[in-house]
Amino acid sequence: MGIMHLDKHISKGHDYYYVAQTLRTGKRVSKKRILYLGRLDNIDEIRRLELERKIREMDLPGLISLFRSKLYSLGYRFPSLYSSFTVEEVHDLGLPLAFHKICEDIQFVDTINNYSPKGGGLSLGKLVEIMAIHRICDPGSLRSLTKWYPTTALPLYTGVHPEDITYDVILNTLDYLQPEFTTQIQVDLYRNIRKVYGYECERLDIDLSSTYFEGLKCIIAKFGYSRDKRRDRPQVVIGFVVDQEGILVTHKTWPGNRTDAKSLKPLNLLLSDTFGLDCPRVVDRGMATYENLKYLDRRKERYLVALRAKVKSTGLLDEIKIPRSKWDEIYEGEFATSIVKGRRNYVINWNSSVAKKKRKQRNAKVRKAEIELKALQDRISDGNIKSKEERDEEIGYILKKYNVKTFLKIYRNNEGNGFTFDRSEKLSIKNKQEGYQVFVTTEKNLSPKDVVASYRQRDEVEKAIQVIKNVIEIRPMYVWTKEHVLGKIFICAQSYQLRSVMGYILRQTDMNMSLNEAIWHLDRLKAVSIIATGDEVQVFRKITTMDKDQIALIDIFDIKDRLSKYEMGDGGI
C-alpha cells in the first residue's frame, strides 16, 4: 500500500483537493486519486463533517489532522474550542521507547543491516527491531503487528511509516532472516552487548525446548519428544544458550525428532568456532552422555554437567572411601565431597530431604501394592480366582500399576493358585542410594559447594525458555515454510535478548524492582494527541501523568530527552 496524503489540482483559478495515494513500482512513481474532496475554501460546517466522516472511514491515522490543518490554513472558522476538543490518538510510549533506546545502545539496527541484502526498500534492521519489540509489548500473530504498530509512538522514532508495515512486508522480512546471516548477526550483537555494558562471558547455560505447529505442512517439523505435552503435533527443537547474566547468546533450530544427546556437539561448535567463547558449558543430564563428555575432553572444552549415571554405576563411593558423615555440609541437610580423575572433578552431593522424600514415595507404593496383593490372596482363598493364568495376570497388573516389580518377590505355588510375596533386597539398596547426585566439571579450583551452586544457577536458561514460550509466545507456529519458521524463531530470540538486556540494566541499579514490574510500569506510560479547534486548530501531544517509579525508569533507560521531543512534536514522519 502506498502513502496517502492530501493533494490538489487547479482548474479555472480554483484549488480542488483530493486524497491521493502515491505508489512506487521499481523506479517509477505514480499517483492515484482515492477520495475527491472538492473546493475547501468555501465549505460550510455540514460539508466539513461529511468529508471528515468519509476520511475517518478510510481508517488512515493522521489524515484527518492534515485535513483540518488545511482547512485552518484556508481560513475556515471552526466551532468553539470545547465543542471540538477531541483526543485524536492514544499511543503506547514508555515500553516500546525503552526497548528502542536499548536497540540504539547496542547498535541493533546497524548490525542487522550489515548483513542484509543491498538494495532499495525499507531497512531490514528497522523492520526486525519493530517485529522484536512487538513480540515483547503485544505478542500475537504476524498479522496483528500491522494493527499494533500504528498504536505506538514507534513510527516517530524509527521513521518507518505505519502504512509501510504490511503482512507481505513482514513475511518478506522473515525470508531474509536465515542462519547464513543471523548467526553472524547474533555474534556481533552479543559482542556489542558485552562491550556496551562492560562485562565478560563467564559461563554458558545450554538447554533445549520445542515448539509445535498447527498444521502438517512445515517440511522441518517432525514428531518427537514434546516438552509441550503435544505429542499429536509436529514440532521443531530449539537449542538456547544464555550467559551468567541470563542474556541470550544464540540459538539453533532442528527438526522435531532431534534428541538431546545429539544437540550438544553442534551447539558447542557454534560457541567455540563462531563465537570464540572459552568458558564452561553448563548442561543437564539429557546432554551429558559419556560420549559427549569424551568429545568435550578431546576438544579441551570447559564444562559443568549433571551426570546421567547413578552413584552405584559410577563406583565413585568406592573410590572416595570417605564415609558420608565426614562430607562437607554445604547447605542444611545437604552434604558433598569430590574426587579428581584426570581433567575431571567429580562432585557427589547427597540431599537428606530429597532422600527422605523419595524413600517415602517408593515405600508408599510398595505398601499399596502389598495391600492389593493381600486382597488378591483373599480372593484366591474365597475361590474367586479360577486359574494360574488369571492369578498371574492380576499380579502383573498390580506390580505394573505401582511400578514395584523389582522391589517385591512373588513366590507362586505349583499346586493350586496360591502365592506368597516378600520385599526384595533391591528395595533396601535403592533406598540407600536415594538423594545422591553426581556433577562433573573441569573447574578443579571450585569447592563442592561452588560446583553445586554454580550448576543450580542454570535455571536462567530454563526461565528464558519459559518466557519465550509463555510471554513472547513462540508457540504454536502458524507459518509453515522453512524460511518463515526460522525467521520467526530468530525474531522471538531477539525479543528475549532485548528483554534480558533490560533485566540486566535494572539489576545494575539500586532500584528494587523486577523486570516484570518495570515492564508493567513502562507499559502504563501512554502518549495522547489532542486536537482543539476553535479560532485556530491546535494539536497537543501529551504524556500521561507519571508516578515516581515511572520517573525513575525513565532515568534508568535514559529516555527523558526523547519524551520531551515527543511533546514538542519532534521526530515526526
Protein backbone atom coordinates (compact mmCIF):
# COMPACT_ATOMS: atom_id res chain seq x y z
CA MET A 1 0.00 0.00 0.00
CA GLY A 2 1.32 3.42 -0.98
CA ILE A 3 1.47 6.59 1.09
CA MET A 4 -1.78 8.54 1.49
CA HIS A 5 -1.74 12.34 1.50
CA LEU A 6 -3.73 15.42 0.51
CA ASP A 7 -3.16 16.85 -2.96
CA LYS A 8 -4.85 19.33 -5.27
CA HIS A 9 -5.30 20.35 -8.87
CA ILE A 10 -6.07 23.83 -10.16
CA SER A 11 -8.97 24.48 -12.53
CA LYS A 12 -10.21 27.91 -13.64
CA GLY A 13 -8.35 29.65 -10.84
CA HIS A 14 -9.69 27.43 -8.03
CA ASP A 15 -7.99 24.69 -5.99
CA TYR A 16 -9.74 21.33 -5.89
CA TYR A 17 -8.49 18.86 -3.26
CA TYR A 18 -8.42 15.06 -3.06
CA VAL A 19 -6.86 12.23 -1.07
CA ALA A 20 -4.10 10.72 -3.17
CA GLN A 21 -2.12 7.51 -2.98
CA THR A 22 1.49 7.52 -4.12
CA LEU A 23 2.69 4.18 -5.49
CA ARG A 24 6.22 3.08 -6.40
CA THR A 25 6.81 0.34 -8.98
CA GLY A 26 10.53 -0.13 -9.34
CA LYS A 27 11.89 3.32 -10.18
CA ARG A 28 8.53 4.54 -11.41
CA VAL A 29 6.30 6.65 -9.13
CA SER A 30 2.60 7.03 -9.85
CA LYS A 31 -0.26 8.86 -8.13
CA LYS A 32 -3.83 7.62 -7.74
CA ARG A 33 -6.85 9.62 -6.58
CA ILE A 34 -8.71 7.85 -3.76
CA LEU A 35 -11.27 10.37 -2.43
CA TYR A 36 -12.41 13.61 -4.11
CA LEU A 37 -12.92 16.49 -1.63
CA GLY A 38 -13.58 19.40 -3.97
CA ARG A 39 -13.05 23.05 -3.06
CA LEU A 40 -12.22 23.65 0.60
CA ASP A 41 -12.19 27.45 0.63
CA ASN A 42 -15.98 27.79 0.68
CA ILE A 43 -17.36 24.75 2.60
CA ASP A 44 -19.81 25.03 5.48
CA GLU A 45 -19.96 23.04 8.73
CA ILE A 46 -22.28 20.36 7.30
CA ARG A 47 -19.97 19.75 4.34
CA ARG A 48 -16.91 19.63 6.64
CA LEU A 49 -18.48 17.00 8.89
CA GLU A 50 -19.49 14.92 5.87
CA LEU A 51 -15.95 14.98 4.47
CA GLU A 52 -14.49 14.11 7.87
CA ARG A 53 -16.81 11.13 8.08
CA LYS A 54 -15.59 9.83 4.73
CA ILE A 55 -11.93 10.34 5.70
CA ARG A 56 -12.44 8.53 9.02
CA GLU A 57 -13.94 5.58 7.18
CA MET A 58 -10.64 5.17 5.36
CA ASP A 59 -9.00 4.37 8.74
CA LEU A 60 -5.77 6.22 7.99
CA PRO A 61 -4.07 7.61 11.13
CA GLY A 62 -3.15 11.28 10.82
CA LEU A 63 -5.09 12.02 7.64
CA ILE A 64 -7.93 13.75 9.48
CA SER A 65 -5.37 16.04 11.12
CA LEU A 66 -3.95 17.01 7.72
CA PHE A 67 -7.46 17.78 6.50
CA ARG A 68 -8.23 20.02 9.46
CA SER A 69 -4.89 21.80 9.20
CA LYS A 70 -5.54 22.52 5.53
CA LEU A 71 -8.99 23.96 6.36
CA TYR A 72 -7.48 26.21 9.00
CA SER A 73 -4.81 27.47 6.58
CA LEU A 74 -7.60 28.36 4.15
CA GLY A 75 -9.37 30.49 6.78
CA TYR A 76 -12.08 28.09 7.90
CA ARG A 77 -13.58 29.09 11.28
CA PHE A 78 -14.04 26.02 13.45
CA PRO A 79 -16.70 25.85 16.22
CA SER A 80 -15.77 26.74 19.80
CA LEU A 81 -12.80 25.09 21.49
CA TYR A 82 -14.83 22.98 23.87
CA SER A 83 -17.26 21.65 21.31
CA SER A 84 -14.44 20.28 19.14
CA PHE A 85 -11.90 19.28 21.76
CA THR A 86 -11.05 15.63 20.94
CA VAL A 87 -8.49 13.02 21.88
CA GLU A 88 -7.40 12.02 18.41
CA GLU A 89 -4.97 9.18 19.25
CA VAL A 90 -3.58 7.27 22.23
CA HIS A 91 -0.19 5.66 21.70
CA ASP A 92 1.92 3.19 23.65
CA LEU A 93 5.01 5.16 24.50
CA GLY A 94 7.05 4.11 27.54
CA LEU A 95 7.65 0.41 26.87
CA PRO A 96 8.39 0.48 23.13
CA LEU A 97 10.54 3.58 23.56
CA ALA A 98 12.64 1.95 26.30
CA PHE A 99 13.35 -1.03 24.05
CA HIS A 100 14.02 1.30 21.12
CA LYS A 101 16.67 3.02 23.26
CA ILE A 102 18.26 -0.34 24.09
CA CYS A 103 18.35 -1.13 20.36
CA GLU A 104 20.14 2.16 19.75
CA ASP A 105 22.67 1.46 22.51
CA ILE A 106 23.65 -1.98 21.19
CA GLN A 107 23.53 -0.84 17.53
CA PHE A 108 20.78 -3.33 16.79
CA VAL A 109 19.61 -1.86 13.50
CA ASP A 110 23.07 -1.17 12.05
CA THR A 111 24.30 -4.65 13.00
CA ILE A 112 21.44 -6.33 11.16
CA ASN A 113 21.77 -4.00 8.19
CA ASN A 114 25.42 -5.02 7.85
CA TYR A 115 24.22 -8.47 6.78
CA SER A 116 21.08 -7.51 4.87
CA PRO A 117 20.86 -7.69 1.08
CA LYS A 118 21.76 -4.43 -0.59
CA GLY A 119 19.12 -2.51 -2.48
CA GLY A 120 16.20 -0.20 -2.01
CA GLY A 121 13.21 -0.62 0.26
CA LEU A 122 12.79 -0.45 3.99
CA SER A 123 15.68 -1.00 6.38
CA LEU A 124 15.83 -4.68 7.35
CA GLY A 125 17.27 -3.71 10.73
CA LYS A 126 14.36 -1.38 11.49
CA LEU A 127 11.83 -3.99 10.45
CA VAL A 128 13.44 -6.60 12.72
CA GLU A 129 13.53 -4.08 15.59
CA ILE A 130 9.81 -3.35 15.15
CA MET A 131 8.95 -7.06 14.97
CA ALA A 132 11.07 -7.92 18.02
CA ILE A 133 9.61 -5.10 20.15
CA HIS A 134 6.11 -6.11 19.07
CA ARG A 135 6.57 -9.63 20.46
CA ILE A 136 7.59 -8.15 23.81
CA CYS A 137 4.89 -5.49 24.10
CA ASP A 138 1.92 -7.14 22.42
CA PRO A 139 2.72 -10.72 21.39
CA GLY A 140 0.39 -12.12 18.79
CA SER A 141 0.18 -13.26 15.22
CA LEU A 142 2.26 -11.69 12.48
CA ARG A 143 -0.87 -10.06 11.14
CA SER A 144 -1.52 -8.36 14.48
CA LEU A 145 1.73 -6.39 14.05
CA THR A 146 0.13 -4.29 11.31
CA LYS A 147 -2.60 -3.20 13.74
CA TRP A 148 -0.31 -2.75 16.76
CA TYR A 149 2.42 -0.61 15.18
CA PRO A 150 0.23 2.48 14.40
CA THR A 151 -0.99 2.46 18.02
CA THR A 152 2.53 3.10 19.30
CA ALA A 153 4.85 6.08 19.20
CA LEU A 154 7.49 3.97 17.42
CA PRO A 155 6.80 5.48 13.96
CA LEU A 156 8.01 8.83 15.34
CA TYR A 157 11.36 7.30 16.34
CA THR A 158 12.01 4.63 13.71
CA GLY A 159 10.96 6.75 10.76
CA VAL A 160 9.01 3.80 9.31
CA HIS A 161 5.51 4.83 8.25
CA PRO A 162 2.68 2.59 9.55
CA GLU A 163 1.34 2.12 6.04
CA ASP A 164 4.63 0.51 5.03
CA ILE A 165 4.21 -2.29 7.60
CA THR A 166 2.07 -4.80 5.73
CA TYR A 167 1.70 -8.55 6.12
CA ASP A 168 3.60 -9.15 2.88
CA VAL A 169 6.46 -6.96 4.11
CA ILE A 170 6.59 -8.96 7.35
CA LEU A 171 6.77 -12.30 5.51
CA ASN A 172 9.43 -10.98 3.16
CA THR A 173 11.45 -9.88 6.19
CA LEU A 174 11.34 -13.42 7.58
CA ASP A 175 12.72 -14.73 4.29
CA TYR A 176 15.96 -12.80 4.88
CA LEU A 177 16.43 -13.95 8.48
CA GLN A 178 18.20 -17.22 7.72
CA PRO A 179 21.16 -18.82 9.55
CA GLU A 180 23.70 -17.77 6.91
CA PHE A 181 23.01 -14.18 8.04
CA THR A 182 21.52 -14.45 11.53
CA THR A 183 24.35 -16.47 13.06
CA GLN A 184 26.87 -13.71 12.46
CA ILE A 185 24.28 -11.11 13.46
CA GLN A 186 23.99 -12.82 16.85
CA VAL A 187 27.79 -12.93 17.19
CA ASP A 188 28.05 -9.19 16.63
CA LEU A 189 25.04 -8.30 18.79
CA TYR A 190 26.33 -10.34 21.73
CA ARG A 191 29.75 -8.69 21.35
CA ASN A 192 28.07 -5.27 21.30
CA ILE A 193 26.09 -6.05 24.46
CA ARG A 194 29.17 -7.08 26.42
CA LYS A 195 31.07 -4.02 25.21
CA VAL A 196 28.28 -1.54 25.98
CA TYR A 197 27.51 -2.92 29.44
CA GLY A 198 31.06 -3.85 30.35
CA TYR A 199 31.11 -7.49 31.36
CA GLU A 200 32.68 -10.76 30.18
CA CYS A 201 31.06 -14.10 29.47
CA GLU A 202 31.86 -16.44 32.38
CA ARG A 203 29.54 -19.39 31.68
CA LEU A 204 27.19 -20.67 29.02
CA ASP A 205 23.97 -22.40 30.06
CA ILE A 206 22.59 -24.68 27.34
CA ASP A 207 19.15 -26.25 27.14
CA LEU A 208 16.63 -27.47 24.59
CA SER A 209 12.98 -26.77 24.03
CA SER A 210 10.41 -27.47 21.34
CA THR A 211 7.53 -25.64 19.74
CA TYR A 212 4.65 -27.28 17.93
CA PHE A 213 2.72 -26.45 14.77
CA GLU A 214 -0.94 -26.10 13.93
CA GLY A 215 -0.95 -28.00 10.66
CA LEU A 216 1.22 -30.56 8.91
CA LYS A 217 2.81 -28.60 6.08
CA CYS A 218 6.13 -27.49 7.56
CA ILE A 219 8.92 -29.54 5.99
CA ILE A 220 11.23 -29.29 9.02
CA ALA A 221 8.54 -30.12 11.58
CA LYS A 222 8.74 -33.72 12.82
CA PHE A 223 7.07 -35.74 15.53
CA GLY A 224 9.28 -36.25 18.56
CA TYR A 225 9.51 -35.91 22.32
CA SER A 226 7.24 -32.96 23.09
CA ARG A 227 8.16 -30.72 26.00
CA ASP A 228 4.78 -29.02 25.44
CA LYS A 229 2.92 -32.31 26.03
CA ARG A 230 1.58 -32.11 22.46
CA ARG A 231 2.58 -35.46 21.02
CA ASP A 232 -0.22 -35.05 18.48
CA ARG A 233 1.54 -32.13 16.77
CA PRO A 234 4.73 -31.95 14.70
CA GLN A 235 7.39 -29.69 16.16
CA VAL A 236 10.85 -28.21 15.86
CA VAL A 237 13.53 -28.44 18.53
CA ILE A 238 15.42 -25.30 19.53
CA GLY A 239 18.64 -25.10 21.49
CA PHE A 240 19.04 -21.91 23.56
CA VAL A 241 22.22 -20.55 25.16
CA VAL A 242 22.32 -17.83 27.82
CA ASP A 243 25.25 -16.43 29.79
CA GLN A 244 25.61 -15.94 33.55
CA GLU A 245 23.56 -12.72 33.34
CA GLY A 246 20.65 -14.52 31.69
CA ILE A 247 21.28 -12.68 28.40
CA LEU A 248 20.63 -14.76 25.30
CA VAL A 249 23.79 -15.60 23.39
CA THR A 250 22.44 -17.65 20.50
CA HIS A 251 20.02 -20.36 19.42
CA LYS A 252 19.91 -23.20 16.92
CA THR A 253 16.93 -24.98 15.33
CA TRP A 254 16.48 -28.62 14.28
CA PRO A 255 13.63 -30.87 13.11
CA GLY A 256 11.37 -32.08 15.91
CA ASN A 257 12.88 -35.56 16.23
CA ARG A 258 16.28 -34.24 17.33
CA THR A 259 17.50 -35.80 20.59
CA ASP A 260 19.19 -34.01 23.48
CA ALA A 261 22.35 -36.12 23.20
CA LYS A 262 22.93 -35.21 19.54
CA SER A 263 22.41 -31.48 20.08
CA LEU A 264 25.43 -30.65 22.23
CA LYS A 265 28.16 -31.03 19.60
CA PRO A 266 26.73 -28.57 17.03
CA LEU A 267 25.94 -26.05 19.76
CA ASN A 268 29.43 -26.36 21.19
CA LEU A 269 31.00 -25.89 17.74
CA LEU A 270 28.89 -22.78 17.27
CA LEU A 271 30.02 -21.35 20.61
CA SER A 272 33.68 -22.26 20.15
CA ASP A 273 34.39 -21.74 16.47
CA THR A 274 31.92 -18.99 15.59
CA PHE A 275 31.50 -17.04 18.83
CA GLY A 276 35.02 -17.78 20.13
CA LEU A 277 33.77 -18.28 23.69
CA ASP A 278 36.04 -20.22 26.03
CA CYS A 279 34.09 -20.66 29.26
CA PRO A 280 32.32 -23.58 30.93
CA ARG A 281 29.34 -25.12 29.15
CA VAL A 282 26.65 -25.97 31.70
CA VAL A 283 24.25 -28.70 30.56
CA ASP A 284 21.81 -31.12 32.16
CA ARG A 285 21.67 -34.92 32.16
CA GLY A 286 19.93 -35.11 28.79
CA MET A 287 23.07 -33.93 27.01
CA ALA A 288 25.64 -35.29 29.47
CA THR A 289 26.27 -38.67 27.86
CA TYR A 290 29.68 -40.32 28.29
CA GLU A 291 30.25 -39.88 24.56
CA ASN A 292 29.59 -36.15 24.79
CA LEU A 293 31.92 -35.78 27.78
CA LYS A 294 34.68 -37.58 25.86
CA TYR A 295 34.04 -35.24 22.93
CA LEU A 296 34.36 -32.16 25.17
CA ASP A 297 37.54 -33.59 26.70
CA ARG A 298 39.08 -34.19 23.27
CA ARG A 299 38.44 -30.56 22.39
CA LYS A 300 39.70 -29.47 25.82
CA GLU A 301 36.44 -27.63 26.43
CA ARG A 302 35.45 -26.49 29.92
CA TYR A 303 32.18 -27.81 31.27
CA LEU A 304 29.93 -28.42 34.25
CA VAL A 305 27.31 -31.13 33.89
CA ALA A 306 24.98 -33.24 35.95
CA LEU A 307 25.89 -36.85 35.21
CA ARG A 308 23.30 -39.26 33.88
CA ALA A 309 24.66 -42.24 35.80
CA LYS A 310 23.78 -43.00 39.41
CA VAL A 311 26.38 -43.21 42.15
CA LYS A 312 26.30 -47.01 42.17
CA SER A 313 27.08 -47.33 38.46
CA THR A 314 29.95 -44.86 38.61
CA GLY A 315 31.66 -46.60 41.52
CA LEU A 316 32.60 -43.20 42.94
CA LEU A 317 31.62 -44.00 46.50
CA ASP A 318 34.00 -46.96 46.50
CA GLU A 319 36.82 -44.79 45.14
CA ILE A 320 36.29 -41.92 47.55
CA LYS A 321 36.30 -44.14 50.62
CA ILE A 322 35.17 -41.25 52.79
CA PRO A 323 32.12 -42.00 54.95
CA ARG A 324 29.23 -39.65 54.36
CA SER A 325 29.45 -38.47 57.96
CA LYS A 326 32.80 -36.86 57.03
CA TRP A 327 31.49 -34.97 53.98
CA ASP A 328 31.17 -31.17 54.00
CA GLU A 329 27.73 -29.84 54.83
CA ILE A 330 27.25 -27.34 52.00
CA TYR A 331 23.67 -26.46 52.89
CA GLU A 332 21.37 -27.50 55.73
CA GLY A 333 20.80 -31.24 55.34
CA GLU A 334 22.92 -31.34 52.19
CA PHE A 335 26.41 -32.85 52.05
CA ALA A 336 29.07 -33.12 49.34
CA THR A 337 32.57 -34.35 48.61
CA SER A 338 34.71 -34.62 45.48
CA ILE A 339 37.37 -36.64 43.72
CA VAL A 340 39.64 -35.60 40.81
CA LYS A 341 40.20 -38.06 37.98
CA GLY A 342 42.32 -36.73 35.14
CA ARG A 343 40.93 -33.38 33.94
CA ARG A 344 37.58 -34.07 35.60
CA ASN A 345 36.48 -33.03 39.05
CA TYR A 346 33.64 -35.30 40.24
CA VAL A 347 31.38 -33.90 42.95
CA ILE A 348 28.97 -36.20 44.78
CA ASN A 349 26.11 -34.45 46.51
CA TRP A 350 23.66 -36.04 48.98
CA ASN A 351 20.45 -34.29 49.98
CA SER A 352 18.81 -35.78 53.07
CA SER A 353 15.38 -34.21 52.44
CA VAL A 354 15.33 -35.47 48.84
CA ALA A 355 16.40 -38.93 50.00
CA LYS A 356 13.68 -39.00 52.66
CA LYS A 357 11.01 -37.83 50.21
CA LYS A 358 11.98 -40.39 47.54
CA ARG A 359 12.13 -43.23 50.07
CA LYS A 360 8.74 -42.24 51.44
CA GLN A 361 7.18 -42.18 47.97
CA ARG A 362 8.69 -45.54 47.00
CA ASN A 363 7.76 -47.26 50.26
CA ALA A 364 4.21 -45.92 49.96
CA LYS A 365 3.88 -47.51 46.51
CA VAL A 366 5.24 -50.80 47.84
CA ARG A 367 2.74 -50.76 50.72
CA LYS A 368 -0.18 -50.08 48.38
CA ALA A 369 0.93 -52.95 46.15
CA GLU A 370 1.22 -55.22 49.18
CA ILE A 371 -2.32 -54.33 50.26
CA GLU A 372 -3.71 -55.21 46.83
CA LEU A 373 -1.66 -58.41 46.68
CA LYS A 374 -3.05 -59.40 50.09
CA ALA A 375 -6.56 -58.70 48.79
CA LEU A 376 -5.79 -60.93 45.81
CA GLN A 377 -4.72 -63.72 48.17
CA ASP A 378 -8.08 -63.43 49.95
CA ARG A 379 -9.94 -63.65 46.63
CA ILE A 380 -7.98 -66.79 45.79
CA SER A 381 -8.87 -68.28 49.19
CA ASP A 382 -12.54 -67.49 48.55
CA GLY A 383 -12.35 -69.32 45.24
CA ASN A 384 -12.87 -66.20 43.08
CA ILE A 385 -9.68 -66.79 41.03
CA LYS A 386 -10.14 -69.89 38.87
CA SER A 387 -6.73 -70.38 37.20
CA LYS A 388 -3.00 -69.71 37.45
CA GLU A 389 -3.26 -67.56 34.31
CA GLU A 390 -5.87 -65.32 35.92
CA ARG A 391 -3.77 -65.13 39.12
CA ASP A 392 -0.60 -64.16 37.20
CA GLU A 393 -2.49 -61.55 35.17
CA GLU A 394 -3.76 -59.93 38.38
CA ILE A 395 -0.28 -59.99 39.96
CA GLY A 396 1.29 -58.47 36.87
CA TYR A 397 -1.31 -55.69 36.78
CA ILE A 398 -0.66 -54.73 40.42
CA LEU A 399 3.14 -54.69 40.06
CA LYS A 400 2.94 -52.58 36.89
CA LYS A 401 0.35 -50.24 38.37
CA TYR A 402 2.71 -49.20 41.19
CA ASN A 403 5.97 -49.80 39.28
CA VAL A 404 7.36 -52.06 42.03
CA LYS A 405 8.21 -55.19 40.08
CA THR A 406 11.89 -55.13 41.16
CA PHE A 407 11.05 -54.45 44.81
CA LEU A 408 8.66 -57.35 45.52
CA LYS A 409 9.42 -61.05 45.14
CA ILE A 410 6.50 -63.26 44.15
CA TYR A 411 6.52 -66.97 45.08
CA ARG A 412 3.87 -68.90 43.10
CA ASN A 413 2.52 -72.25 44.32
CA ASN A 414 2.87 -75.00 41.76
CA GLU A 415 -0.03 -76.83 43.36
CA GLY A 416 -3.07 -74.62 43.19
CA ASN A 417 -3.50 -70.89 42.54
CA GLY A 418 -1.95 -69.52 45.70
CA PHE A 419 1.16 -67.35 46.06
CA THR A 420 3.20 -65.51 48.68
CA PHE A 421 5.32 -62.35 48.40
CA ASP A 422 8.13 -60.57 50.18
CA ARG A 423 10.21 -57.42 49.78
CA SER A 424 13.45 -57.88 47.84
CA GLU A 425 16.92 -56.66 48.81
CA LYS A 426 16.76 -54.23 45.86
CA LEU A 427 14.29 -52.08 47.80
CA SER A 428 16.75 -51.57 50.65
CA ILE A 429 19.62 -50.91 48.21
CA LYS A 430 17.54 -48.41 46.22
CA ASN A 431 16.51 -46.57 49.36
CA LYS A 432 20.14 -46.27 50.45
CA GLN A 433 21.08 -44.78 47.07
CA GLU A 434 18.42 -42.07 47.12
CA GLY A 435 19.35 -38.42 47.44
CA TYR A 436 22.64 -38.66 45.54
CA GLN A 437 23.54 -36.51 42.58
CA VAL A 438 26.79 -36.53 40.62
CA PHE A 439 28.30 -33.46 38.94
CA VAL A 440 31.35 -33.40 36.67
CA THR A 441 33.36 -30.29 35.91
CA THR A 442 36.72 -29.30 34.52
CA GLU A 443 36.93 -26.45 37.05
CA LYS A 444 39.20 -28.03 39.66
CA ASN A 445 39.53 -24.84 41.67
CA LEU A 446 35.85 -24.93 42.66
CA SER A 447 34.81 -26.38 46.00
CA PRO A 448 31.98 -28.94 46.10
CA LYS A 449 29.63 -26.21 47.31
CA ASP A 450 30.70 -23.91 44.46
CA VAL A 451 30.07 -26.65 41.91
CA VAL A 452 26.58 -27.42 43.22
CA ALA A 453 25.67 -23.74 43.49
CA SER A 454 27.02 -22.99 40.03
CA TYR A 455 25.06 -25.79 38.41
CA ARG A 456 21.84 -24.66 40.06
CA GLN A 457 22.25 -21.22 38.51
CA ARG A 458 21.39 -22.81 35.17
CA ASP A 459 17.75 -22.14 35.94
CA GLU A 460 18.36 -18.91 34.00
CA VAL A 461 18.17 -20.82 30.72
CA GLU A 462 15.05 -22.65 31.91
CA LYS A 463 13.46 -19.29 32.77
CA ALA A 464 14.44 -17.99 29.33
CA ILE A 465 12.67 -20.87 27.63
CA GLN A 466 9.53 -20.32 29.70
CA VAL A 467 9.49 -16.61 28.85
CA ILE A 468 10.00 -17.29 25.13
CA LYS A 469 7.15 -19.79 25.20
CA ASN A 470 4.63 -18.17 27.53
CA VAL A 471 5.36 -14.42 27.35
CA ILE A 472 6.85 -13.87 23.90
CA GLU A 473 4.55 -16.65 22.66
CA ILE A 474 6.73 -18.51 20.20
CA ARG A 475 4.18 -21.33 20.17
CA PRO A 476 2.25 -22.51 18.34
CA MET A 477 3.67 -21.92 14.87
CA TYR A 478 1.26 -20.84 12.17
CA VAL A 479 3.84 -20.12 9.47
CA TRP A 480 4.98 -23.27 7.68
CA THR A 481 7.76 -22.63 5.14
CA LYS A 482 11.24 -23.40 6.41
CA GLU A 483 12.37 -19.80 5.88
CA HIS A 484 9.42 -18.30 7.73
CA VAL A 485 9.80 -20.71 10.64
CA LEU A 486 13.50 -19.94 11.06
CA GLY A 487 12.81 -16.22 10.67
CA LYS A 488 10.08 -16.20 13.31
CA ILE A 489 12.27 -18.12 15.77
CA PHE A 490 15.04 -15.56 15.22
CA ILE A 491 12.61 -12.71 15.94
CA CYS A 492 11.45 -14.38 19.16
CA ALA A 493 15.05 -15.00 20.21
CA GLN A 494 15.93 -11.34 19.65
CA SER A 495 12.85 -10.31 21.62
CA TYR A 496 14.10 -12.29 24.56
CA GLN A 497 17.60 -10.87 24.15
CA LEU A 498 16.28 -7.29 24.34
CA ARG A 499 14.14 -8.24 27.32
CA SER A 500 17.10 -9.86 29.10
CA VAL A 501 19.24 -6.77 28.47
CA MET A 502 16.55 -4.65 30.14
CA GLY A 503 16.69 -7.00 33.12
CA TYR A 504 20.47 -6.67 33.29
CA ILE A 505 20.24 -2.85 33.27
CA LEU A 506 17.73 -2.97 36.13
CA ARG A 507 19.98 -5.21 38.22
CA GLN A 508 22.84 -2.71 37.96
CA THR A 509 20.77 -0.08 39.77
CA ASP A 510 19.77 0.19 43.42
CA MET A 511 16.12 0.15 42.40
CA ASN A 512 14.45 -2.87 43.96
CA MET A 513 12.19 -3.70 41.03
CA SER A 514 11.79 -6.87 38.99
CA LEU A 515 11.81 -6.89 35.22
CA ASN A 516 8.10 -7.74 35.08
CA GLU A 517 7.29 -4.82 37.39
CA ALA A 518 9.35 -2.44 35.24
CA ILE A 519 7.60 -3.62 32.09
CA TRP A 520 4.22 -3.07 33.77
CA HIS A 521 5.11 0.49 34.83
CA LEU A 522 6.54 1.39 31.43
CA ASP A 523 3.54 -0.07 29.62
CA ARG A 524 1.26 2.32 31.55
CA LEU A 525 3.13 5.31 30.16
CA LYS A 526 0.98 6.44 27.23
CA ALA A 527 1.01 9.38 24.83
CA VAL A 528 -2.05 11.23 23.57
CA SER A 529 -2.64 13.54 20.63
CA ILE A 530 -5.32 16.14 21.40
CA ILE A 531 -6.86 18.30 18.68
CA ALA A 532 -8.57 21.52 19.69
CA THR A 533 -10.38 23.54 17.05
CA GLY A 534 -11.80 26.96 17.69
CA ASP A 535 -10.40 30.22 16.48
CA GLU A 536 -7.46 28.10 15.37
CA VAL A 537 -6.51 24.45 15.07
CA GLN A 538 -4.07 23.26 17.70
CA VAL A 539 -2.56 19.82 18.10
CA PHE A 540 -1.23 18.94 21.52
CA ARG A 541 0.96 15.94 22.31
CA LYS A 542 0.78 14.98 25.94
CA ILE A 543 2.19 12.19 28.07
CA THR A 544 0.11 10.65 30.81
CA THR A 545 0.90 11.70 34.37
CA MET A 546 3.94 9.82 35.69
CA ASP A 547 4.40 8.32 39.13
CA LYS A 548 7.75 8.08 40.93
CA ASP A 549 8.50 4.59 39.61
CA GLN A 550 7.93 5.64 36.03
CA ILE A 551 10.13 8.71 36.53
CA ALA A 552 12.88 6.51 37.95
CA LEU A 553 12.63 4.11 35.00
CA ILE A 554 12.79 7.00 32.54
CA ASP A 555 16.12 7.98 34.09
CA ILE A 556 17.42 4.40 34.18
CA PHE A 557 16.71 3.82 30.49
CA ASP A 558 17.73 7.36 29.51
CA ILE A 559 14.61 8.24 27.51
CA LYS A 560 13.79 11.64 29.08
CA ASP A 561 15.01 13.66 26.08
CA ARG A 562 13.03 11.51 23.67
CA LEU A 563 9.87 12.00 25.70
CA SER A 564 10.41 15.77 25.59
CA LYS A 565 10.79 15.65 21.83
CA TYR A 566 7.51 13.79 21.58
CA GLU A 567 5.59 16.54 23.37
CA MET A 568 7.36 19.19 21.31
CA GLY A 569 6.34 17.42 18.11
CA ASP A 570 9.85 16.49 17.02
CA GLY A 571 10.67 13.25 15.31
CA GLY A 572 7.54 13.03 13.21
CA ILE A 573 7.38 11.20 9.93
